[in-house]
Amino acid sequence: MAGPLSNRKQLNTMSDVFISYSSKDRELATWIHDRLLANNIRPFLAEISLCGGANWKPSILLALRESPMVLFLATPNSCGSDAVKHEIGAALVLGKHLIPMLAGISPRELPLWVQDKQAVDIYDQARSDQTFSRICQFIMSKRFAKGALLAALLIAIVVCLSKQK
């Protein structure tokens, strides 16, 4: 388990991006987490995002359900992990926007049920930079849409209440 979270904030709010990974790849998963966090994206990485004493299975499932996007850190370790397989299966069933990020494997080595998703080699800097940029755009557009909907609802409530007076 990692030490104290010196420069990282634990996020108690809904996550924007769920990172599915094997704990054997925690260093690379943490790099992804920190890169997203530096771009004002709220990532969920179980090891960092869950507080001590959290009931982790329901917490992970809740974070997966609430996150509009899933990054699958596809490594030899994660492709063999039953927990990761369950997370990715749930993401597919829930219709999440899923991006396989390859690290040490080729697209042909992805599990069959993910091979139809465009994968990005995390070590191809130009492609991975472009992917992180698109993730930020996607999440910011989702946040804007939610904000606009909330604003419209609040205006409607105010108008209805003012008509009742």
N, C-alpha and C. Protein backbone atom coordinates (compact mmCIF):
# COMPACT_ATOMS: atom_id res chain seq x y z
N MET A 1 0.84 -1.19 0.00
CA MET A 1 0.00 0.00 0.00
C MET A 1 0.88 1.24 0.00
N ALA A 2 0.48 2.25 -0.72
CA ALA A 2 1.25 3.48 -0.81
C ALA A 2 1.24 4.20 0.53
N GLY A 3 2.23 5.05 0.73
CA GLY A 3 2.34 5.82 1.96
C GLY A 3 1.33 6.94 1.99
N PRO A 4 1.53 7.90 2.90
CA PRO A 4 0.59 9.02 3.00
C PRO A 4 0.43 9.75 1.68
N LEU A 5 -0.73 10.33 1.50
CA LEU A 5 -1.05 11.01 0.25
C LEU A 5 -0.61 12.47 0.34
N SER A 6 0.68 12.70 0.26
CA SER A 6 1.22 14.03 0.47
C SER A 6 0.67 15.06 -0.49
N ASN A 7 0.79 14.85 -1.79
CA ASN A 7 0.38 15.85 -2.76
C ASN A 7 -0.94 15.51 -3.44
N ARG A 8 -1.56 14.44 -3.06
CA ARG A 8 -2.80 14.03 -3.71
C ARG A 8 -3.97 14.29 -2.79
N LYS A 9 -5.08 14.66 -3.40
CA LYS A 9 -6.31 14.84 -2.63
C LYS A 9 -7.13 13.56 -2.80
N GLN A 10 -7.67 13.05 -1.70
CA GLN A 10 -8.62 11.97 -1.84
C GLN A 10 -9.93 12.59 -2.27
N LEU A 11 -10.54 11.98 -3.25
CA LEU A 11 -11.74 12.56 -3.82
C LEU A 11 -12.97 11.87 -3.26
N ASN A 12 -13.79 12.63 -2.61
CA ASN A 12 -15.03 12.09 -2.06
C ASN A 12 -16.20 12.42 -2.96
N THR A 13 -15.94 13.07 -4.09
CA THR A 13 -16.99 13.41 -5.03
C THR A 13 -17.01 12.36 -6.14
N MET A 14 -18.00 12.47 -6.98
CA MET A 14 -18.10 11.55 -8.10
C MET A 14 -16.85 11.65 -8.98
N SER A 15 -16.38 10.53 -9.44
CA SER A 15 -15.21 10.50 -10.30
C SER A 15 -15.61 10.67 -11.76
N ASP A 16 -14.71 11.26 -12.53
CA ASP A 16 -14.91 11.44 -13.97
C ASP A 16 -14.42 10.22 -14.74
N VAL A 17 -13.33 9.65 -14.26
CA VAL A 17 -12.68 8.54 -14.98
C VAL A 17 -12.35 7.44 -13.97
N PHE A 18 -12.82 6.24 -14.26
CA PHE A 18 -12.52 5.07 -13.45
C PHE A 18 -11.31 4.39 -14.08
N ILE A 19 -10.27 4.16 -13.31
CA ILE A 19 -9.07 3.49 -13.81
C ILE A 19 -9.12 2.04 -13.36
N SER A 20 -9.22 1.13 -14.34
CA SER A 20 -9.23 -0.30 -14.06
C SER A 20 -7.81 -0.81 -14.29
N TYR A 21 -7.25 -1.45 -13.28
CA TYR A 21 -5.84 -1.84 -13.32
C TYR A 21 -5.59 -3.00 -12.38
N SER A 22 -4.45 -3.64 -12.55
CA SER A 22 -3.99 -4.65 -11.61
C SER A 22 -3.14 -3.95 -10.55
N SER A 23 -3.29 -4.34 -9.31
CA SER A 23 -2.47 -3.72 -8.26
C SER A 23 -0.98 -3.95 -8.50
N LYS A 24 -0.65 -4.94 -9.30
CA LYS A 24 0.76 -5.17 -9.64
C LYS A 24 1.31 -4.06 -10.53
N ASP A 25 0.42 -3.27 -11.12
CA ASP A 25 0.81 -2.16 -12.00
C ASP A 25 0.52 -0.82 -11.36
N ARG A 26 0.55 -0.77 -10.03
CA ARG A 26 0.13 0.45 -9.31
C ARG A 26 0.96 1.67 -9.68
N GLU A 27 2.24 1.51 -9.97
CA GLU A 27 3.07 2.67 -10.30
C GLU A 27 2.57 3.35 -11.58
N LEU A 28 2.31 2.58 -12.60
CA LEU A 28 1.81 3.14 -13.86
C LEU A 28 0.38 3.67 -13.69
N ALA A 29 -0.44 2.96 -12.94
CA ALA A 29 -1.81 3.42 -12.68
C ALA A 29 -1.79 4.74 -11.91
N THR A 30 -0.88 4.88 -10.97
CA THR A 30 -0.75 6.12 -10.21
C THR A 30 -0.30 7.26 -11.11
N TRP A 31 0.58 6.98 -12.06
CA TRP A 31 1.02 8.00 -13.02
C TRP A 31 -0.19 8.50 -13.82
N ILE A 32 -1.03 7.57 -14.28
CA ILE A 32 -2.24 7.96 -15.03
C ILE A 32 -3.15 8.80 -14.14
N HIS A 33 -3.37 8.34 -12.91
CA HIS A 33 -4.19 9.07 -11.94
C HIS A 33 -3.68 10.49 -11.77
N ASP A 34 -2.39 10.64 -11.53
CA ASP A 34 -1.82 11.96 -11.27
C ASP A 34 -1.89 12.85 -12.51
N ARG A 35 -1.73 12.27 -13.68
CA ARG A 35 -1.81 13.05 -14.92
C ARG A 35 -3.24 13.58 -15.12
N LEU A 36 -4.23 12.75 -14.86
CA LEU A 36 -5.62 13.20 -14.96
C LEU A 36 -5.91 14.27 -13.93
N LEU A 37 -5.49 14.05 -12.70
CA LEU A 37 -5.73 14.99 -11.62
C LEU A 37 -5.09 16.35 -11.93
N ALA A 38 -3.91 16.35 -12.53
CA ALA A 38 -3.23 17.60 -12.90
C ALA A 38 -4.01 18.37 -13.95
N ASN A 39 -4.90 17.69 -14.67
CA ASN A 39 -5.73 18.34 -15.70
C ASN A 39 -7.16 18.57 -15.21
N ASN A 40 -7.34 18.62 -13.89
CA ASN A 40 -8.65 18.88 -13.27
C ASN A 40 -9.69 17.82 -13.59
N ILE A 41 -9.24 16.61 -13.85
CA ILE A 41 -10.13 15.47 -14.05
C ILE A 41 -10.10 14.68 -12.74
N ARG A 42 -11.28 14.25 -12.29
CA ARG A 42 -11.37 13.51 -11.03
C ARG A 42 -11.28 12.01 -11.31
N PRO A 43 -10.09 11.43 -11.15
CA PRO A 43 -9.95 10.00 -11.42
C PRO A 43 -10.30 9.16 -10.19
N PHE A 44 -10.74 7.95 -10.46
CA PHE A 44 -10.93 6.98 -9.38
C PHE A 44 -9.88 5.90 -9.55
N LEU A 45 -9.02 5.78 -8.57
CA LEU A 45 -8.02 4.71 -8.50
C LEU A 45 -8.19 4.12 -7.11
N ALA A 46 -8.65 2.89 -7.03
CA ALA A 46 -9.06 2.30 -5.75
C ALA A 46 -8.04 2.55 -4.64
N GLU A 47 -6.79 2.33 -4.93
CA GLU A 47 -5.76 2.44 -3.89
C GLU A 47 -5.66 3.85 -3.31
N ILE A 48 -5.94 4.84 -4.12
CA ILE A 48 -5.85 6.24 -3.67
C ILE A 48 -7.21 6.78 -3.25
N SER A 49 -8.24 6.44 -3.98
CA SER A 49 -9.55 7.06 -3.80
C SER A 49 -10.34 6.51 -2.62
N LEU A 50 -10.07 5.27 -2.23
CA LEU A 50 -10.82 4.70 -1.11
C LEU A 50 -10.15 5.04 0.21
N CYS A 51 -10.93 5.47 1.16
CA CYS A 51 -10.42 5.77 2.49
C CYS A 51 -10.28 4.47 3.29
N GLY A 52 -9.40 4.50 4.26
CA GLY A 52 -9.23 3.34 5.14
C GLY A 52 -10.55 2.95 5.76
N GLY A 53 -10.82 1.66 5.78
CA GLY A 53 -12.05 1.16 6.36
C GLY A 53 -13.23 1.11 5.41
N ALA A 54 -13.03 1.62 4.19
CA ALA A 54 -14.12 1.60 3.20
C ALA A 54 -14.45 0.17 2.82
N ASN A 55 -15.72 -0.09 2.62
CA ASN A 55 -16.16 -1.39 2.13
C ASN A 55 -15.88 -1.37 0.63
N TRP A 56 -14.74 -1.93 0.23
CA TRP A 56 -14.19 -1.65 -1.09
C TRP A 56 -14.98 -2.19 -2.26
N LYS A 57 -15.58 -3.36 -2.18
CA LYS A 57 -16.32 -3.87 -3.35
C LYS A 57 -17.49 -2.95 -3.74
N PRO A 58 -18.39 -2.62 -2.80
CA PRO A 58 -19.48 -1.72 -3.17
C PRO A 58 -18.97 -0.32 -3.58
N SER A 59 -17.90 0.14 -2.95
CA SER A 59 -17.35 1.46 -3.29
C SER A 59 -16.79 1.47 -4.70
N ILE A 60 -16.11 0.39 -5.10
CA ILE A 60 -15.58 0.30 -6.46
C ILE A 60 -16.72 0.23 -7.46
N LEU A 61 -17.74 -0.57 -7.17
CA LEU A 61 -18.88 -0.67 -8.10
C LEU A 61 -19.61 0.66 -8.23
N LEU A 62 -19.76 1.39 -7.13
CA LEU A 62 -20.41 2.69 -7.18
C LEU A 62 -19.59 3.67 -8.03
N ALA A 63 -18.29 3.69 -7.83
CA ALA A 63 -17.42 4.58 -8.62
C ALA A 63 -17.49 4.22 -10.10
N LEU A 64 -17.53 2.94 -10.40
CA LEU A 64 -17.62 2.50 -11.79
C LEU A 64 -18.96 2.95 -12.40
N ARG A 65 -20.03 2.78 -11.65
CA ARG A 65 -21.36 3.19 -12.14
C ARG A 65 -21.42 4.69 -12.38
N GLU A 66 -20.82 5.48 -11.49
CA GLU A 66 -20.93 6.93 -11.58
C GLU A 66 -19.97 7.57 -12.58
N SER A 67 -18.88 6.91 -12.92
CA SER A 67 -17.89 7.49 -13.82
C SER A 67 -18.33 7.32 -15.27
N PRO A 68 -18.34 8.41 -16.05
CA PRO A 68 -18.75 8.28 -17.45
C PRO A 68 -17.71 7.60 -18.34
N MET A 69 -16.47 7.52 -17.86
CA MET A 69 -15.40 6.96 -18.68
C MET A 69 -14.58 5.98 -17.86
N VAL A 70 -14.09 4.94 -18.57
CA VAL A 70 -13.23 3.94 -17.94
C VAL A 70 -11.94 3.83 -18.75
N LEU A 71 -10.81 3.97 -18.05
CA LEU A 71 -9.52 3.70 -18.66
C LEU A 71 -9.09 2.32 -18.19
N PHE A 72 -8.84 1.45 -19.13
CA PHE A 72 -8.40 0.09 -18.84
C PHE A 72 -6.89 0.06 -19.06
N LEU A 73 -6.12 0.01 -17.98
CA LEU A 73 -4.67 -0.11 -18.09
C LEU A 73 -4.38 -1.57 -18.44
N ALA A 74 -4.21 -1.80 -19.74
CA ALA A 74 -4.09 -3.17 -20.26
C ALA A 74 -2.63 -3.59 -20.24
N THR A 75 -2.32 -4.48 -19.31
CA THR A 75 -0.98 -5.04 -19.14
C THR A 75 -1.13 -6.55 -19.06
N PRO A 76 -0.02 -7.28 -19.11
CA PRO A 76 -0.14 -8.73 -18.89
C PRO A 76 -0.80 -9.05 -17.55
N ASN A 77 -0.51 -8.24 -16.53
CA ASN A 77 -1.10 -8.47 -15.20
C ASN A 77 -2.61 -8.23 -15.21
N SER A 78 -3.05 -7.10 -15.77
CA SER A 78 -4.48 -6.77 -15.72
C SER A 78 -5.31 -7.68 -16.63
N CYS A 79 -4.72 -8.09 -17.75
CA CYS A 79 -5.48 -8.98 -18.65
C CYS A 79 -5.71 -10.35 -18.03
N GLY A 80 -4.92 -10.69 -17.02
CA GLY A 80 -5.09 -11.96 -16.32
C GLY A 80 -5.83 -11.83 -15.00
N SER A 81 -6.24 -10.62 -14.64
CA SER A 81 -6.88 -10.39 -13.35
C SER A 81 -8.40 -10.57 -13.43
N ASP A 82 -8.93 -11.43 -12.58
CA ASP A 82 -10.38 -11.63 -12.55
C ASP A 82 -11.10 -10.36 -12.14
N ALA A 83 -10.55 -9.61 -11.17
CA ALA A 83 -11.20 -8.37 -10.73
C ALA A 83 -11.28 -7.37 -11.88
N VAL A 84 -10.21 -7.24 -12.65
CA VAL A 84 -10.21 -6.31 -13.79
C VAL A 84 -11.21 -6.79 -14.85
N LYS A 85 -11.25 -8.08 -15.08
CA LYS A 85 -12.22 -8.62 -16.05
C LYS A 85 -13.64 -8.27 -15.64
N HIS A 86 -13.94 -8.37 -14.34
CA HIS A 86 -15.27 -8.01 -13.84
C HIS A 86 -15.55 -6.53 -14.05
N GLU A 87 -14.55 -5.68 -13.75
CA GLU A 87 -14.74 -4.24 -13.92
C GLU A 87 -14.99 -3.89 -15.38
N ILE A 88 -14.21 -4.47 -16.28
CA ILE A 88 -14.36 -4.16 -17.70
C ILE A 88 -15.68 -4.71 -18.23
N GLY A 89 -16.06 -5.90 -17.79
CA GLY A 89 -17.36 -6.45 -18.18
C GLY A 89 -18.50 -5.54 -17.73
N ALA A 90 -18.42 -5.06 -16.50
CA ALA A 90 -19.44 -4.14 -15.99
C ALA A 90 -19.44 -2.84 -16.78
N ALA A 91 -18.27 -2.33 -17.11
CA ALA A 91 -18.18 -1.09 -17.89
C ALA A 91 -18.85 -1.26 -19.25
N LEU A 92 -18.64 -2.41 -19.88
CA LEU A 92 -19.25 -2.67 -21.18
C LEU A 92 -20.76 -2.78 -21.06
N VAL A 93 -21.24 -3.49 -20.05
CA VAL A 93 -22.68 -3.65 -19.84
C VAL A 93 -23.33 -2.30 -19.54
N LEU A 94 -22.63 -1.45 -18.79
CA LEU A 94 -23.17 -0.14 -18.44
C LEU A 94 -23.01 0.88 -19.57
N GLY A 95 -22.38 0.49 -20.66
CA GLY A 95 -22.22 1.38 -21.81
C GLY A 95 -21.24 2.52 -21.57
N LYS A 96 -20.25 2.29 -20.74
CA LYS A 96 -19.25 3.32 -20.46
C LYS A 96 -18.35 3.55 -21.66
N HIS A 97 -17.85 4.76 -21.77
CA HIS A 97 -16.84 5.08 -22.78
C HIS A 97 -15.54 4.43 -22.27
N LEU A 98 -15.05 3.42 -22.97
CA LEU A 98 -13.92 2.61 -22.51
C LEU A 98 -12.72 2.80 -23.43
N ILE A 99 -11.57 3.11 -22.83
CA ILE A 99 -10.34 3.25 -23.60
C ILE A 99 -9.30 2.29 -23.03
N PRO A 100 -8.88 1.29 -23.83
CA PRO A 100 -7.77 0.45 -23.39
C PRO A 100 -6.44 1.20 -23.59
N MET A 101 -5.66 1.32 -22.53
CA MET A 101 -4.34 1.93 -22.59
C MET A 101 -3.33 0.79 -22.48
N LEU A 102 -2.65 0.49 -23.59
CA LEU A 102 -1.73 -0.63 -23.66
C LEU A 102 -0.40 -0.30 -23.00
N ALA A 103 0.09 -1.23 -22.21
CA ALA A 103 1.41 -1.09 -21.58
C ALA A 103 2.05 -2.47 -21.56
N GLY A 104 2.90 -2.71 -22.54
CA GLY A 104 3.61 -3.99 -22.58
C GLY A 104 2.88 -5.10 -23.29
N ILE A 105 1.77 -4.78 -23.95
CA ILE A 105 1.05 -5.77 -24.76
C ILE A 105 0.64 -5.13 -26.07
N SER A 106 0.30 -5.97 -27.03
CA SER A 106 -0.19 -5.48 -28.32
C SER A 106 -1.72 -5.56 -28.33
N PRO A 107 -2.36 -4.86 -29.26
CA PRO A 107 -3.83 -4.93 -29.33
C PRO A 107 -4.34 -6.37 -29.50
N ARG A 108 -3.58 -7.22 -30.18
CA ARG A 108 -4.00 -8.62 -30.36
C ARG A 108 -4.04 -9.39 -29.04
N GLU A 109 -3.33 -8.89 -28.04
CA GLU A 109 -3.28 -9.58 -26.75
C GLU A 109 -4.38 -9.13 -25.78
N LEU A 110 -5.17 -8.16 -26.21
CA LEU A 110 -6.30 -7.74 -25.38
C LEU A 110 -7.31 -8.88 -25.29
N PRO A 111 -8.06 -8.94 -24.20
CA PRO A 111 -9.14 -9.93 -24.14
C PRO A 111 -10.09 -9.72 -25.33
N LEU A 112 -10.65 -10.79 -25.85
CA LEU A 112 -11.50 -10.71 -27.04
C LEU A 112 -12.63 -9.71 -26.91
N TRP A 113 -13.20 -9.61 -25.71
CA TRP A 113 -14.35 -8.74 -25.51
C TRP A 113 -14.00 -7.26 -25.50
N VAL A 114 -12.71 -6.92 -25.66
CA VAL A 114 -12.27 -5.52 -25.70
C VAL A 114 -11.53 -5.20 -27.00
N GLN A 115 -11.29 -6.21 -27.82
CA GLN A 115 -10.49 -5.99 -29.02
C GLN A 115 -11.16 -5.07 -30.04
N ASP A 116 -12.45 -4.84 -29.93
CA ASP A 116 -13.10 -3.93 -30.88
C ASP A 116 -12.98 -2.46 -30.45
N LYS A 117 -12.38 -2.21 -29.31
CA LYS A 117 -12.15 -0.84 -28.84
C LYS A 117 -10.78 -0.36 -29.32
N GLN A 118 -10.71 0.86 -29.80
CA GLN A 118 -9.44 1.42 -30.24
C GLN A 118 -8.53 1.58 -29.03
N ALA A 119 -7.41 0.90 -29.06
CA ALA A 119 -6.46 0.94 -27.96
C ALA A 119 -5.36 1.95 -28.25
N VAL A 120 -4.76 2.47 -27.19
CA VAL A 120 -3.67 3.44 -27.30
C VAL A 120 -2.48 2.91 -26.52
N ASP A 121 -1.32 2.89 -27.18
CA ASP A 121 -0.09 2.49 -26.50
C ASP A 121 0.35 3.64 -25.61
N ILE A 122 0.39 3.41 -24.33
CA ILE A 122 0.71 4.47 -23.38
C ILE A 122 2.13 5.00 -23.58
N TYR A 123 3.00 4.16 -24.19
CA TYR A 123 4.39 4.57 -24.40
C TYR A 123 4.59 5.33 -25.72
N ASP A 124 3.54 5.46 -26.53
CA ASP A 124 3.58 6.29 -27.73
C ASP A 124 3.16 7.68 -27.27
N GLN A 125 4.13 8.53 -26.99
CA GLN A 125 3.84 9.81 -26.33
C GLN A 125 2.86 10.67 -27.11
N ALA A 126 3.03 10.77 -28.41
CA ALA A 126 2.12 11.62 -29.20
C ALA A 126 0.68 11.12 -29.10
N ARG A 127 0.48 9.82 -29.27
CA ARG A 127 -0.88 9.25 -29.21
C ARG A 127 -1.45 9.33 -27.80
N SER A 128 -0.61 9.07 -26.80
CA SER A 128 -1.14 9.11 -25.44
C SER A 128 -1.45 10.55 -25.04
N ASP A 129 -0.63 11.52 -25.45
CA ASP A 129 -0.94 12.93 -25.17
C ASP A 129 -2.26 13.33 -25.82
N GLN A 130 -2.45 12.90 -27.06
CA GLN A 130 -3.69 13.19 -27.78
C GLN A 130 -4.89 12.56 -27.06
N THR A 131 -4.72 11.34 -26.58
CA THR A 131 -5.79 10.65 -25.87
C THR A 131 -6.14 11.36 -24.57
N PHE A 132 -5.14 11.77 -23.80
CA PHE A 132 -5.41 12.49 -22.55
C PHE A 132 -6.11 13.81 -22.84
N SER A 133 -5.73 14.47 -23.91
CA SER A 133 -6.38 15.72 -24.30
C SER A 133 -7.85 15.47 -24.64
N ARG A 134 -8.13 14.41 -25.37
CA ARG A 134 -9.52 14.08 -25.72
C ARG A 134 -10.33 13.68 -24.50
N ILE A 135 -9.69 12.99 -23.56
CA ILE A 135 -10.37 12.64 -22.31
C ILE A 135 -10.80 13.92 -21.60
N CYS A 136 -9.89 14.89 -21.51
CA CYS A 136 -10.21 16.17 -20.85
C CYS A 136 -11.37 16.86 -21.56
N GLN A 137 -11.36 16.89 -22.89
CA GLN A 137 -12.44 17.52 -23.65
C GLN A 137 -13.77 16.80 -23.39
N PHE A 138 -13.74 15.48 -23.41
CA PHE A 138 -14.94 14.68 -23.19
C PHE A 138 -15.53 14.97 -21.80
N ILE A 139 -14.68 14.95 -20.78
CA ILE A 139 -15.15 15.16 -19.41
C ILE A 139 -15.66 16.59 -19.23
N MET A 140 -14.95 17.56 -19.77
CA MET A 140 -15.39 18.95 -19.63
C MET A 140 -16.74 19.18 -20.33
N SER A 141 -16.95 18.52 -21.47
CA SER A 141 -18.25 18.67 -22.15
C SER A 141 -19.36 18.02 -21.32
N LYS A 142 -19.06 16.89 -20.66
CA LYS A 142 -20.05 16.25 -19.78
C LYS A 142 -20.39 17.17 -18.61
N ARG A 143 -19.35 17.78 -18.02
CA ARG A 143 -19.58 18.69 -16.89
C ARG A 143 -20.41 19.90 -17.32
N PHE A 144 -20.11 20.44 -18.51
CA PHE A 144 -20.86 21.59 -19.00
C PHE A 144 -22.33 21.23 -19.19
N ALA A 145 -22.58 20.07 -19.79
CA ALA A 145 -23.96 19.64 -20.02
C ALA A 145 -24.70 19.48 -18.70
N LYS A 146 -24.06 18.88 -17.70
CA LYS A 146 -24.69 18.73 -16.39
C LYS A 146 -24.97 20.10 -15.77
N GLY A 147 -24.01 21.00 -15.87
CA GLY A 147 -24.18 22.35 -15.32
C GLY A 147 -25.31 23.09 -15.99
N ALA A 148 -25.40 22.98 -17.30
CA ALA A 148 -26.46 23.65 -18.05
C ALA A 148 -27.83 23.09 -17.66
N LEU A 149 -27.93 21.78 -17.51
CA LEU A 149 -29.18 21.16 -17.10
C LEU A 149 -29.58 21.60 -15.70
N LEU A 150 -28.63 21.63 -14.79
CA LEU A 150 -28.91 22.07 -13.43
C LEU A 150 -29.36 23.53 -13.41
N ALA A 151 -28.70 24.36 -14.18
CA ALA A 151 -29.09 25.77 -14.24
C ALA A 151 -30.52 25.92 -14.78
N ALA A 152 -30.84 25.15 -15.82
CA ALA A 152 -32.20 25.21 -16.39
C ALA A 152 -33.24 24.76 -15.36
N LEU A 153 -32.93 23.73 -14.61
CA LEU A 153 -33.86 23.26 -13.57
C LEU A 153 -34.06 24.31 -12.48
N LEU A 154 -32.96 24.93 -12.07
CA LEU A 154 -33.06 25.96 -11.04
C LEU A 154 -33.89 27.15 -11.53
N ILE A 155 -33.69 27.56 -12.76
CA ILE A 155 -34.46 28.66 -13.33
C ILE A 155 -35.94 28.29 -13.37
N ALA A 156 -36.24 27.06 -13.78
CA ALA A 156 -37.63 26.60 -13.84
C ALA A 156 -38.27 26.61 -12.46
N ILE A 157 -37.53 26.20 -11.45
CA ILE A 157 -38.05 26.19 -10.07
C ILE A 157 -38.33 27.62 -9.61
N VAL A 158 -37.39 28.52 -9.88
CA VAL A 158 -37.57 29.91 -9.47
C VAL A 158 -38.78 30.52 -10.17
N VAL A 159 -38.92 30.27 -11.46
CA VAL A 159 -40.07 30.80 -12.21
C VAL A 159 -41.38 30.24 -11.64
N CYS A 160 -41.41 28.94 -11.38
CA CYS A 160 -42.64 28.34 -10.83
C CYS A 160 -42.97 28.91 -9.46
N LEU A 161 -41.95 29.08 -8.62
CA LEU A 161 -42.19 29.62 -7.29
C LEU A 161 -42.64 31.08 -7.35
N SER A 162 -42.08 31.85 -8.28
CA SER A 162 -42.47 33.27 -8.39
C SER A 162 -43.89 33.41 -8.91
N LYS A 163 -44.36 32.47 -9.71
CA LYS A 163 -45.74 32.52 -10.23
C LYS A 163 -46.75 32.16 -9.16
N GLN A 164 -46.33 31.42 -8.13
CA GLN A 164 -47.23 31.01 -7.08
C GLN A 164 -47.49 32.16 -6.09
N LYS A 165 -46.65 33.15 -6.10
CA LYS A 165 -46.81 34.25 -5.12
C LYS A 165 -47.86 35.22 -5.54
